[in-house]
Amino acid sequence: MKPVAQWITMVLVIVSSIPWAWADSAGVIKGTITIDGKPAVGAVVSIEGLPKDLVKAQAAPVKPQKKIMDQQNLKFSPAVLAVKAGDTVEFPNHDKVWHNVYSKGGANDFDLGLYAPKNSRSKKFEKPGVSRILCNAHPDMEAFIVVKDHPFFSTSDSRGNFEINNVPLGKLRVEIWYPNLSVRSEPVPLVRDGEVFDLNIDLKKR
């Protein structure tokens, strides 16, 4: 074998042994999250353990977004909101009473103060982690904002379904977060460009 051919072969072998595929190779992870067979609404499914360089490269083109957590009928809606670090969350008050949105002891502590109906205040979430959202005026109100430092996450819908697109290929670790339950971790091998991996998990079963 000629030296050039040997060098090309060596490069191909090295690249194929790397557990993460860069460039444009990607797949999809989708499925259903349940609890005792019933749809788990608001489960945050994310890809974790990705190389920092890959996370930085993928996160850079994604511009900060504005998300909404409404207040209506003395409830936060949605009850679980997943955002990317740097996103801003608006908290409009569509009730007929005053609200005071705050979070303490989590990843992003804040207190928006008391504000009247038909008003809105916002908070920029910069640190990855979970924030428990409460209202000083109404102790029964509770919600959660889950902040990720990458775009590879999804929140399950009313049927428990989720879908994460453009997932880098490799030996992945998928985490499922749900209020008041331990974080569930599942290994997922995504090996072919365009592959769709079905992941169906019941959080009460192992």
N, C-alpha and C. Protein backbone atom coordinates (compact mmCIF):
# COMPACT_ATOMS: atom_id res chain seq x y z
N MET A 1 0.84 -1.20 0.00
CA MET A 1 0.00 0.00 0.00
C MET A 1 0.88 1.26 0.00
N LYS A 2 0.56 2.23 -0.84
CA LYS A 2 1.33 3.46 -0.92
C LYS A 2 1.18 4.27 0.36
N PRO A 3 2.20 5.11 0.70
CA PRO A 3 2.15 5.91 1.93
C PRO A 3 0.89 6.76 2.04
N VAL A 4 0.45 7.40 0.93
CA VAL A 4 -0.74 8.26 0.98
C VAL A 4 -1.97 7.44 1.32
N ALA A 5 -2.10 6.27 0.69
CA ALA A 5 -3.24 5.41 0.96
C ALA A 5 -3.23 4.93 2.40
N GLN A 6 -2.04 4.63 2.93
CA GLN A 6 -1.92 4.20 4.33
C GLN A 6 -2.37 5.31 5.26
N TRP A 7 -2.00 6.54 4.93
CA TRP A 7 -2.36 7.69 5.78
C TRP A 7 -3.87 7.90 5.78
N ILE A 8 -4.51 7.82 4.60
CA ILE A 8 -5.96 7.98 4.50
C ILE A 8 -6.68 6.89 5.29
N THR A 9 -6.19 5.66 5.17
CA THR A 9 -6.80 4.55 5.91
C THR A 9 -6.70 4.77 7.40
N MET A 10 -5.54 5.26 7.85
CA MET A 10 -5.34 5.50 9.28
C MET A 10 -6.29 6.57 9.79
N VAL A 11 -6.48 7.64 9.02
CA VAL A 11 -7.40 8.71 9.42
C VAL A 11 -8.82 8.19 9.53
N LEU A 12 -9.25 7.38 8.54
CA LEU A 12 -10.59 6.83 8.56
C LEU A 12 -10.81 5.94 9.78
N VAL A 13 -9.82 5.15 10.13
CA VAL A 13 -9.93 4.27 11.30
C VAL A 13 -10.06 5.09 12.57
N ILE A 14 -9.26 6.16 12.69
CA ILE A 14 -9.30 7.00 13.89
C ILE A 14 -10.64 7.69 14.02
N VAL A 15 -11.13 8.27 12.90
CA VAL A 15 -12.40 8.98 12.92
C VAL A 15 -13.54 8.04 13.28
N SER A 16 -13.52 6.83 12.72
CA SER A 16 -14.61 5.89 12.98
C SER A 16 -14.64 5.42 14.41
N SER A 17 -13.51 5.55 15.13
CA SER A 17 -13.46 5.10 16.52
C SER A 17 -13.88 6.17 17.50
N ILE A 18 -14.06 7.43 17.03
CA ILE A 18 -14.48 8.51 17.91
C ILE A 18 -15.95 8.33 18.28
N PRO A 19 -16.30 8.42 19.59
CA PRO A 19 -17.67 8.16 20.00
C PRO A 19 -18.66 9.23 19.59
N TRP A 20 -18.18 10.36 19.08
CA TRP A 20 -19.10 11.45 18.69
C TRP A 20 -18.88 11.78 17.23
N ALA A 21 -19.95 11.90 16.49
CA ALA A 21 -19.87 12.28 15.08
C ALA A 21 -20.15 13.77 14.95
N TRP A 22 -19.20 14.48 14.35
CA TRP A 22 -19.35 15.92 14.20
C TRP A 22 -19.98 16.22 12.84
N ALA A 23 -19.64 17.36 12.28
CA ALA A 23 -20.14 17.77 10.96
C ALA A 23 -21.66 17.71 10.92
N ASP A 24 -22.20 17.19 9.82
CA ASP A 24 -23.64 17.25 9.60
C ASP A 24 -24.36 15.95 9.95
N SER A 25 -23.66 14.96 10.45
CA SER A 25 -24.29 13.69 10.78
C SER A 25 -25.16 13.84 12.01
N ALA A 26 -26.39 13.43 11.92
CA ALA A 26 -27.31 13.60 13.05
C ALA A 26 -28.48 12.64 12.90
N GLY A 27 -29.19 12.45 14.00
CA GLY A 27 -30.37 11.59 14.01
C GLY A 27 -31.47 12.20 14.85
N VAL A 28 -32.47 11.40 15.13
CA VAL A 28 -33.65 11.84 15.89
C VAL A 28 -33.91 10.85 17.02
N ILE A 29 -34.22 11.37 18.19
CA ILE A 29 -34.66 10.54 19.30
C ILE A 29 -36.08 10.97 19.67
N LYS A 30 -37.00 10.04 19.61
CA LYS A 30 -38.38 10.36 19.94
C LYS A 30 -39.01 9.19 20.68
N GLY A 31 -40.17 9.46 21.28
CA GLY A 31 -40.84 8.39 22.00
C GLY A 31 -41.94 8.92 22.91
N THR A 32 -42.26 8.11 23.91
CA THR A 32 -43.35 8.45 24.83
C THR A 32 -42.90 8.21 26.26
N ILE A 33 -43.19 9.15 27.12
CA ILE A 33 -42.90 9.03 28.55
C ILE A 33 -44.22 8.82 29.29
N THR A 34 -44.26 7.78 30.12
CA THR A 34 -45.47 7.47 30.88
C THR A 34 -45.14 7.28 32.36
N ILE A 35 -46.20 7.31 33.17
CA ILE A 35 -46.10 6.99 34.60
C ILE A 35 -47.22 6.01 34.91
N ASP A 36 -46.84 4.80 35.25
CA ASP A 36 -47.83 3.73 35.46
C ASP A 36 -48.75 3.57 34.25
N GLY A 37 -48.17 3.71 33.07
CA GLY A 37 -48.92 3.52 31.84
C GLY A 37 -49.69 4.73 31.35
N LYS A 38 -49.72 5.80 32.13
CA LYS A 38 -50.45 7.01 31.72
C LYS A 38 -49.46 8.06 31.22
N PRO A 39 -49.86 8.88 30.25
CA PRO A 39 -48.95 9.89 29.69
C PRO A 39 -48.39 10.81 30.77
N ALA A 40 -47.08 11.02 30.71
CA ALA A 40 -46.42 11.95 31.62
C ALA A 40 -46.28 13.29 30.90
N VAL A 41 -47.13 14.24 31.27
CA VAL A 41 -47.11 15.56 30.64
C VAL A 41 -46.04 16.42 31.31
N GLY A 42 -45.19 17.05 30.51
CA GLY A 42 -44.19 17.95 31.07
C GLY A 42 -42.92 17.28 31.54
N ALA A 43 -42.61 16.10 31.01
CA ALA A 43 -41.32 15.48 31.28
C ALA A 43 -40.28 16.12 30.38
N VAL A 44 -39.15 16.53 30.93
CA VAL A 44 -38.09 17.15 30.14
C VAL A 44 -37.08 16.07 29.78
N VAL A 45 -36.96 15.81 28.49
CA VAL A 45 -36.04 14.79 27.98
C VAL A 45 -34.86 15.51 27.33
N SER A 46 -33.64 15.16 27.72
CA SER A 46 -32.48 15.88 27.21
C SER A 46 -31.31 14.93 26.97
N ILE A 47 -30.40 15.36 26.10
CA ILE A 47 -29.17 14.63 25.83
C ILE A 47 -28.08 15.24 26.71
N GLU A 48 -27.44 14.42 27.52
CA GLU A 48 -26.43 14.93 28.44
C GLU A 48 -25.08 14.24 28.21
N GLY A 49 -24.03 14.86 28.76
CA GLY A 49 -22.69 14.29 28.64
C GLY A 49 -22.02 14.54 27.31
N LEU A 50 -22.54 15.48 26.52
CA LEU A 50 -21.92 15.81 25.24
C LEU A 50 -20.62 16.57 25.46
N PRO A 51 -19.64 16.42 24.56
CA PRO A 51 -18.39 17.18 24.69
C PRO A 51 -18.66 18.68 24.71
N LYS A 52 -17.92 19.40 25.54
CA LYS A 52 -18.13 20.84 25.69
C LYS A 52 -17.97 21.59 24.37
N ASP A 53 -16.99 21.17 23.56
CA ASP A 53 -16.77 21.85 22.28
C ASP A 53 -17.98 21.68 21.36
N LEU A 54 -18.58 20.49 21.40
CA LEU A 54 -19.76 20.23 20.57
C LEU A 54 -20.95 21.05 21.06
N VAL A 55 -21.12 21.09 22.37
CA VAL A 55 -22.23 21.87 22.94
C VAL A 55 -22.07 23.35 22.57
N LYS A 56 -20.85 23.86 22.69
CA LYS A 56 -20.60 25.26 22.38
C LYS A 56 -20.87 25.56 20.91
N ALA A 57 -20.43 24.64 20.03
CA ALA A 57 -20.61 24.85 18.59
C ALA A 57 -22.08 24.81 18.20
N GLN A 58 -22.83 23.91 18.83
CA GLN A 58 -24.25 23.78 18.50
C GLN A 58 -25.09 24.89 19.12
N ALA A 59 -24.67 25.37 20.29
CA ALA A 59 -25.45 26.38 21.00
C ALA A 59 -25.25 27.78 20.42
N ALA A 60 -24.07 28.03 19.86
CA ALA A 60 -23.73 29.38 19.38
C ALA A 60 -24.71 29.93 18.36
N PRO A 61 -25.13 29.15 17.34
CA PRO A 61 -26.04 29.71 16.33
C PRO A 61 -27.47 29.93 16.82
N VAL A 62 -27.81 29.35 17.97
CA VAL A 62 -29.17 29.44 18.47
C VAL A 62 -29.34 30.76 19.25
N LYS A 63 -30.12 31.66 18.70
CA LYS A 63 -30.33 32.95 19.35
C LYS A 63 -31.23 32.81 20.57
N PRO A 64 -30.99 33.63 21.60
CA PRO A 64 -31.88 33.61 22.78
C PRO A 64 -33.33 33.85 22.37
N GLN A 65 -34.23 33.14 23.00
CA GLN A 65 -35.63 33.24 22.67
C GLN A 65 -36.43 33.78 23.85
N LYS A 66 -37.65 34.21 23.55
CA LYS A 66 -38.56 34.66 24.60
C LYS A 66 -39.67 33.61 24.75
N LYS A 67 -39.80 33.07 25.96
CA LYS A 67 -40.82 32.08 26.25
C LYS A 67 -41.85 32.68 27.20
N ILE A 68 -42.99 32.01 27.32
CA ILE A 68 -44.07 32.54 28.16
C ILE A 68 -44.52 31.48 29.17
N MET A 69 -44.61 31.89 30.41
CA MET A 69 -45.27 31.10 31.46
C MET A 69 -46.42 31.96 31.98
N ASP A 70 -47.62 31.60 31.59
CA ASP A 70 -48.80 32.41 31.89
C ASP A 70 -49.27 32.19 33.33
N GLN A 71 -50.06 33.14 33.81
CA GLN A 71 -50.73 33.00 35.10
C GLN A 71 -52.22 33.23 34.87
N GLN A 72 -52.98 32.16 35.03
CA GLN A 72 -54.41 32.24 34.77
C GLN A 72 -55.13 31.19 35.62
N ASN A 73 -56.27 31.59 36.18
CA ASN A 73 -57.04 30.70 37.08
C ASN A 73 -56.18 30.23 38.25
N LEU A 74 -55.32 31.14 38.71
CA LEU A 74 -54.43 30.87 39.85
C LEU A 74 -53.53 29.66 39.60
N LYS A 75 -53.09 29.54 38.36
CA LYS A 75 -52.16 28.47 37.99
C LYS A 75 -51.11 29.02 37.02
N PHE A 76 -49.92 28.43 37.08
CA PHE A 76 -48.91 28.72 36.07
C PHE A 76 -49.16 27.79 34.89
N SER A 77 -48.98 28.33 33.68
CA SER A 77 -49.17 27.51 32.48
C SER A 77 -48.11 27.89 31.43
N PRO A 78 -47.30 26.90 31.03
CA PRO A 78 -47.32 25.50 31.43
C PRO A 78 -46.74 25.30 32.82
N ALA A 79 -47.02 24.14 33.40
CA ALA A 79 -46.50 23.84 34.73
C ALA A 79 -45.02 23.49 34.69
N VAL A 80 -44.55 23.06 33.52
CA VAL A 80 -43.12 22.80 33.31
C VAL A 80 -42.71 23.45 32.00
N LEU A 81 -41.65 24.23 32.04
CA LEU A 81 -41.15 24.91 30.85
C LEU A 81 -39.65 24.67 30.75
N ALA A 82 -39.20 24.13 29.62
CA ALA A 82 -37.77 23.92 29.37
C ALA A 82 -37.25 25.02 28.46
N VAL A 83 -36.14 25.63 28.83
CA VAL A 83 -35.56 26.72 28.05
C VAL A 83 -34.05 26.52 27.95
N LYS A 84 -33.47 27.22 27.01
CA LYS A 84 -32.01 27.22 26.86
C LYS A 84 -31.43 28.39 27.65
N ALA A 85 -30.26 28.19 28.23
CA ALA A 85 -29.60 29.26 28.98
C ALA A 85 -29.48 30.50 28.10
N GLY A 86 -29.90 31.63 28.64
CA GLY A 86 -29.92 32.89 27.90
C GLY A 86 -31.30 33.29 27.44
N ASP A 87 -32.27 32.36 27.49
CA ASP A 87 -33.65 32.68 27.13
C ASP A 87 -34.30 33.53 28.21
N THR A 88 -35.29 34.31 27.79
CA THR A 88 -36.07 35.14 28.71
C THR A 88 -37.48 34.60 28.81
N VAL A 89 -38.00 34.52 30.02
CA VAL A 89 -39.36 34.04 30.24
C VAL A 89 -40.24 35.19 30.70
N GLU A 90 -41.35 35.38 29.99
CA GLU A 90 -42.35 36.38 30.37
C GLU A 90 -43.38 35.71 31.29
N PHE A 91 -43.82 36.46 32.31
CA PHE A 91 -44.82 35.97 33.25
C PHE A 91 -46.04 36.91 33.24
N PRO A 92 -46.87 36.85 32.20
CA PRO A 92 -48.04 37.73 32.15
C PRO A 92 -49.09 37.34 33.19
N ASN A 93 -49.74 38.32 33.75
CA ASN A 93 -50.79 38.08 34.75
C ASN A 93 -52.16 38.24 34.08
N HIS A 94 -52.80 37.11 33.78
CA HIS A 94 -54.13 37.14 33.17
C HIS A 94 -55.22 36.80 34.19
N ASP A 95 -54.89 36.87 35.46
CA ASP A 95 -55.89 36.70 36.51
C ASP A 95 -56.47 38.07 36.87
N LYS A 96 -57.45 38.04 37.78
CA LYS A 96 -58.07 39.28 38.25
C LYS A 96 -57.48 39.72 39.58
N VAL A 97 -56.40 39.03 39.99
CA VAL A 97 -55.75 39.34 41.26
C VAL A 97 -54.27 39.63 41.01
N TRP A 98 -53.62 40.20 42.00
CA TRP A 98 -52.19 40.50 41.90
C TRP A 98 -51.37 39.22 42.11
N HIS A 99 -50.18 39.17 41.48
CA HIS A 99 -49.27 38.04 41.64
C HIS A 99 -47.86 38.53 41.96
N ASN A 100 -47.10 37.65 42.57
CA ASN A 100 -45.69 37.93 42.84
C ASN A 100 -44.90 36.66 42.54
N VAL A 101 -44.27 36.62 41.37
CA VAL A 101 -43.55 35.43 40.91
C VAL A 101 -42.12 35.46 41.45
N TYR A 102 -41.68 34.34 42.02
CA TYR A 102 -40.31 34.28 42.53
C TYR A 102 -39.79 32.85 42.52
N SER A 103 -38.48 32.72 42.71
CA SER A 103 -37.85 31.41 42.84
C SER A 103 -36.67 31.56 43.79
N LYS A 104 -36.53 30.60 44.68
CA LYS A 104 -35.46 30.66 45.68
C LYS A 104 -34.90 29.27 45.93
N GLY A 105 -33.57 29.19 45.99
CA GLY A 105 -32.92 27.93 46.31
C GLY A 105 -32.64 27.04 45.10
N GLY A 106 -32.88 27.56 43.90
CA GLY A 106 -32.62 26.78 42.69
C GLY A 106 -31.47 27.36 41.89
N ALA A 107 -31.48 27.11 40.59
CA ALA A 107 -30.38 27.55 39.73
C ALA A 107 -30.42 29.05 39.45
N ASN A 108 -31.62 29.63 39.42
CA ASN A 108 -31.77 31.05 39.08
C ASN A 108 -32.76 31.71 40.04
N ASP A 109 -32.24 32.24 41.14
CA ASP A 109 -33.09 32.90 42.12
C ASP A 109 -33.53 34.28 41.62
N PHE A 110 -34.79 34.64 41.90
CA PHE A 110 -35.28 35.96 41.51
C PHE A 110 -36.58 36.23 42.24
N ASP A 111 -36.99 37.49 42.22
CA ASP A 111 -38.27 37.91 42.79
C ASP A 111 -38.76 39.08 41.95
N LEU A 112 -39.87 38.88 41.24
CA LEU A 112 -40.38 39.90 40.34
C LEU A 112 -41.24 40.94 41.04
N GLY A 113 -41.52 40.71 42.32
CA GLY A 113 -42.35 41.67 43.04
C GLY A 113 -43.82 41.53 42.71
N LEU A 114 -44.64 42.23 43.46
CA LEU A 114 -46.09 42.16 43.29
C LEU A 114 -46.52 43.02 42.11
N TYR A 115 -47.33 42.45 41.19
CA TYR A 115 -47.82 43.24 40.07
C TYR A 115 -49.27 42.90 39.73
N ALA A 116 -49.94 43.91 39.15
CA ALA A 116 -51.39 43.88 38.96
C ALA A 116 -51.81 43.04 37.75
N PRO A 117 -53.11 42.73 37.68
CA PRO A 117 -53.64 42.06 36.49
C PRO A 117 -53.35 42.85 35.21
N LYS A 118 -53.24 42.12 34.09
CA LYS A 118 -52.98 42.68 32.76
C LYS A 118 -51.58 43.27 32.65
N ASN A 119 -50.71 42.94 33.60
CA ASN A 119 -49.32 43.35 33.54
C ASN A 119 -48.44 42.12 33.36
N SER A 120 -47.20 42.34 32.97
CA SER A 120 -46.27 41.23 32.76
C SER A 120 -44.87 41.64 33.18
N ARG A 121 -44.14 40.70 33.75
CA ARG A 121 -42.74 40.91 34.08
C ARG A 121 -41.94 39.72 33.57
N SER A 122 -40.64 39.92 33.41
CA SER A 122 -39.83 38.88 32.80
C SER A 122 -38.54 38.63 33.57
N LYS A 123 -37.95 37.47 33.26
CA LYS A 123 -36.69 37.08 33.89
C LYS A 123 -35.83 36.34 32.86
N LYS A 124 -34.57 36.71 32.76
CA LYS A 124 -33.63 36.01 31.89
C LYS A 124 -32.97 34.88 32.68
N PHE A 125 -33.05 33.68 32.15
CA PHE A 125 -32.50 32.50 32.83
C PHE A 125 -31.15 32.15 32.21
N GLU A 126 -30.08 32.34 32.99
CA GLU A 126 -28.73 32.21 32.45
C GLU A 126 -27.98 30.97 32.94
N LYS A 127 -28.41 30.37 34.04
CA LYS A 127 -27.67 29.23 34.59
C LYS A 127 -28.44 27.92 34.38
N PRO A 128 -27.77 26.89 33.89
CA PRO A 128 -28.44 25.58 33.75
C PRO A 128 -28.88 25.04 35.10
N GLY A 129 -30.02 24.37 35.12
CA GLY A 129 -30.54 23.81 36.35
C GLY A 129 -32.05 23.94 36.41
N VAL A 130 -32.60 23.61 37.58
CA VAL A 130 -34.05 23.64 37.76
C VAL A 130 -34.43 24.75 38.73
N SER A 131 -35.41 25.54 38.34
CA SER A 131 -35.95 26.59 39.21
C SER A 131 -37.41 26.27 39.53
N ARG A 132 -37.73 26.23 40.82
CA ARG A 132 -39.11 26.04 41.25
C ARG A 132 -39.77 27.41 41.31
N ILE A 133 -40.84 27.58 40.54
CA ILE A 133 -41.50 28.88 40.42
C ILE A 133 -42.71 28.92 41.35
N LEU A 134 -42.77 29.98 42.16
CA LEU A 134 -43.84 30.12 43.14
C LEU A 134 -44.43 31.53 43.10
N CYS A 135 -45.52 31.71 43.83
CA CYS A 135 -46.16 33.02 43.96
C CYS A 135 -46.34 33.32 45.45
N ASN A 136 -45.77 34.45 45.89
CA ASN A 136 -45.88 34.83 47.30
C ASN A 136 -47.32 35.02 47.73
N ALA A 137 -48.16 35.49 46.80
CA ALA A 137 -49.55 35.80 47.14
C ALA A 137 -50.45 34.56 47.14
N HIS A 138 -50.01 33.50 46.45
CA HIS A 138 -50.84 32.30 46.32
C HIS A 138 -49.96 31.06 46.47
N PRO A 139 -49.82 30.54 47.68
CA PRO A 139 -48.87 29.45 47.97
C PRO A 139 -49.17 28.14 47.24
N ASP A 140 -50.38 27.98 46.71
CA ASP A 140 -50.69 26.74 45.98
C ASP A 140 -50.18 26.76 44.54
N MET A 141 -49.76 27.92 44.07
CA MET A 141 -49.25 28.01 42.70
C MET A 141 -47.81 27.50 42.65
N GLU A 142 -47.54 26.61 41.70
CA GLU A 142 -46.21 26.02 41.58
C GLU A 142 -45.94 25.62 40.12
N ALA A 143 -44.73 25.86 39.68
CA ALA A 143 -44.31 25.43 38.35
C ALA A 143 -42.79 25.23 38.39
N PHE A 144 -42.25 24.74 37.28
CA PHE A 144 -40.81 24.49 37.20
C PHE A 144 -40.29 24.98 35.86
N ILE A 145 -39.12 25.62 35.90
CA ILE A 145 -38.41 25.99 34.68
C ILE A 145 -37.08 25.25 34.67
N VAL A 146 -36.87 24.45 33.63
CA VAL A 146 -35.65 23.65 33.50
C VAL A 146 -34.78 24.30 32.43
N VAL A 147 -33.58 24.69 32.83
CA VAL A 147 -32.67 25.41 31.93
C VAL A 147 -31.54 24.49 31.48
N LYS A 148 -31.32 24.42 30.18
CA LYS A 148 -30.25 23.61 29.60
C LYS A 148 -29.23 24.51 28.91
N ASP A 149 -27.97 24.06 28.86
CA ASP A 149 -26.92 24.84 28.20
C ASP A 149 -26.70 24.38 26.76
N HIS A 150 -27.65 23.62 26.23
CA HIS A 150 -27.57 23.14 24.86
C HIS A 150 -28.99 23.04 24.30
N PRO A 151 -29.13 22.85 22.98
CA PRO A 151 -30.48 22.81 22.39
C PRO A 151 -31.08 21.41 22.26
N PHE A 152 -30.43 20.39 22.81
CA PHE A 152 -30.88 19.02 22.61
C PHE A 152 -31.83 18.57 23.73
N PHE A 153 -33.03 19.12 23.72
CA PHE A 153 -34.02 18.75 24.73
C PHE A 153 -35.42 18.92 24.17
N SER A 154 -36.38 18.30 24.85
CA SER A 154 -37.78 18.38 24.45
C SER A 154 -38.64 18.16 25.69
N THR A 155 -39.86 18.68 25.66
CA THR A 155 -40.81 18.48 26.75
C THR A 155 -41.98 17.66 26.24
N SER A 156 -42.33 16.62 26.98
CA SER A 156 -43.42 15.74 26.54
C SER A 156 -44.76 16.48 26.53
N ASP A 157 -45.58 16.16 25.53
CA ASP A 157 -46.87 16.84 25.36
C ASP A 157 -47.98 16.12 26.12
N SER A 158 -49.22 16.45 25.80
CA SER A 158 -50.37 15.90 26.54
C SER A 158 -50.49 14.38 26.39
N ARG A 159 -49.87 13.83 25.37
CA ARG A 159 -49.88 12.38 25.18
C ARG A 159 -48.60 11.71 25.67
N GLY A 160 -47.72 12.51 26.24
CA GLY A 160 -46.45 11.99 26.72
C GLY A 160 -45.39 11.89 25.65
N ASN A 161 -45.69 12.39 24.45
CA ASN A 161 -44.77 12.27 23.33
C ASN A 161 -43.71 13.38 23.34
N PHE A 162 -42.52 13.03 22.90
CA PHE A 162 -41.43 14.00 22.76
C PHE A 162 -40.64 13.68 21.50
N GLU A 163 -39.87 14.66 21.04
CA GLU A 163 -39.00 14.44 19.87
C GLU A 163 -37.84 15.43 19.93
N ILE A 164 -36.63 14.90 19.79
CA ILE A 164 -35.42 15.73 19.75
C ILE A 164 -34.76 15.52 18.39
N ASN A 165 -34.63 16.59 17.64
CA ASN A 165 -34.07 16.52 16.30
C ASN A 165 -32.61 16.97 16.27
N ASN A 166 -31.93 16.63 15.17
CA ASN A 166 -30.54 17.04 14.93
C ASN A 166 -29.61 16.62 16.06
N VAL A 167 -29.81 15.41 16.55
CA VAL A 167 -28.99 14.89 17.65
C VAL A 167 -27.67 14.34 17.09
N PRO A 168 -26.52 14.75 17.65
CA PRO A 168 -25.24 14.22 17.18
C PRO A 168 -25.18 12.71 17.36
N LEU A 169 -24.51 12.04 16.43
CA LEU A 169 -24.38 10.60 16.53
C LEU A 169 -23.37 10.24 17.62
N GLY A 170 -23.55 9.08 18.23
CA GLY A 170 -22.62 8.62 19.24
C GLY A 170 -23.30 7.81 20.31
N LYS A 171 -22.54 7.47 21.33
CA LYS A 171 -23.09 6.77 22.49
C LYS A 171 -23.64 7.82 23.45
N LEU A 172 -24.92 8.00 23.43
CA LEU A 172 -25.56 9.11 24.13
C LEU A 172 -26.10 8.70 25.49
N ARG A 173 -26.30 9.70 26.34
CA ARG A 173 -26.99 9.50 27.61
C ARG A 173 -28.21 10.42 27.63
N VAL A 174 -29.37 9.80 27.67
CA VAL A 174 -30.62 10.56 27.71
C VAL A 174 -31.11 10.65 29.15
N GLU A 175 -31.45 11.86 29.59
CA GLU A 175 -31.99 12.06 30.93
C GLU A 175 -33.44 12.51 30.85
N ILE A 176 -34.25 11.96 31.74
CA ILE A 176 -35.66 12.36 31.82
C ILE A 176 -35.91 12.95 33.20
N TRP A 177 -36.30 14.24 33.21
CA TRP A 177 -36.62 14.93 34.46
C TRP A 177 -38.12 15.10 34.55
N TYR A 178 -38.65 14.82 35.75
CA TYR A 178 -40.08 15.01 36.00
C TYR A 178 -40.26 15.47 37.44
N PRO A 179 -41.19 16.41 37.70
CA PRO A 179 -41.35 16.94 39.06
C PRO A 179 -41.54 15.84 40.10
N ASN A 180 -40.79 15.96 41.18
CA ASN A 180 -40.91 15.10 42.36
C ASN A 180 -40.50 13.64 42.12
N LEU A 181 -39.82 13.38 41.00
CA LEU A 181 -39.28 12.04 40.75
C LEU A 181 -37.78 12.15 40.53
N SER A 182 -37.07 11.06 40.77
CA SER A 182 -35.63 11.04 40.52
C SER A 182 -35.37 11.12 39.02
N VAL A 183 -34.26 11.74 38.67
CA VAL A 183 -33.90 11.85 37.25
C VAL A 183 -33.58 10.45 36.71
N ARG A 184 -34.17 10.14 35.59
CA ARG A 184 -33.96 8.84 34.94
C ARG A 184 -32.91 8.99 33.85
N SER A 185 -31.96 8.07 33.78
CA SER A 185 -30.91 8.11 32.78
C SER A 185 -30.94 6.83 31.95
N GLU A 186 -30.87 6.99 30.63
CA GLU A 186 -30.93 5.85 29.72
C GLU A 186 -29.84 5.97 28.65
N PRO A 187 -29.07 4.90 28.40
CA PRO A 187 -28.10 4.94 27.31
C PRO A 187 -28.79 4.76 25.96
N VAL A 188 -28.37 5.55 24.99
CA VAL A 188 -28.96 5.46 23.65
C VAL A 188 -27.83 5.50 22.63
N PRO A 189 -27.64 4.45 21.83
CA PRO A 189 -26.65 4.49 20.75
C PRO A 189 -27.29 4.99 19.46
N LEU A 190 -26.76 6.09 18.95
CA LEU A 190 -27.26 6.64 17.69
C LEU A 190 -26.09 6.57 16.71
N VAL A 191 -26.18 5.68 15.73
CA VAL A 191 -24.99 5.35 14.95
C VAL A 191 -25.06 5.72 13.47
N ARG A 192 -26.26 5.90 12.92
CA ARG A 192 -26.37 6.17 11.49
C ARG A 192 -26.98 7.54 11.22
N ASP A 193 -26.45 8.22 10.24
CA ASP A 193 -27.00 9.52 9.85
C ASP A 193 -28.45 9.35 9.43
N GLY A 194 -29.34 10.15 10.02
CA GLY A 194 -30.76 10.07 9.72
C GLY A 194 -31.52 9.03 10.52
N GLU A 195 -30.82 8.33 11.41
CA GLU A 195 -31.48 7.30 12.22
C GLU A 195 -32.53 7.90 13.15
N VAL A 196 -33.63 7.21 13.32
CA VAL A 196 -34.68 7.61 14.26
C VAL A 196 -34.74 6.54 15.35
N PHE A 197 -34.41 6.94 16.57
CA PHE A 197 -34.39 6.00 17.70
C PHE A 197 -35.64 6.20 18.54
N ASP A 198 -36.41 5.13 18.74
CA ASP A 198 -37.61 5.19 19.57
C ASP A 198 -37.27 4.85 21.01
N LEU A 199 -37.58 5.79 21.90
CA LEU A 199 -37.31 5.60 23.32
C LEU A 199 -38.62 5.79 24.09
N ASN A 200 -39.15 4.69 24.62
CA ASN A 200 -40.39 4.71 25.37
C ASN A 200 -40.11 4.29 26.80
N ILE A 201 -40.37 5.19 27.74
CA ILE A 201 -40.00 4.97 29.13
C ILE A 201 -41.20 5.17 30.06
N ASP A 202 -41.38 4.22 30.97
CA ASP A 202 -42.33 4.41 32.06
C ASP A 202 -41.51 4.73 33.31
N LEU A 203 -41.72 5.91 33.88
CA LEU A 203 -40.89 6.39 34.97
C LEU A 203 -41.10 5.63 36.27
N LYS A 204 -42.12 4.81 36.34
CA LYS A 204 -42.35 4.00 37.54
C LYS A 204 -41.80 2.58 37.40
N LYS A 205 -41.26 2.28 36.23
CA LYS A 205 -40.74 0.93 35.98
C LYS A 205 -39.27 1.00 35.65
N ARG A 206 -38.56 -0.09 35.96
CA ARG A 206 -37.14 -0.20 35.64
C ARG A 206 -36.90 -1.40 34.76
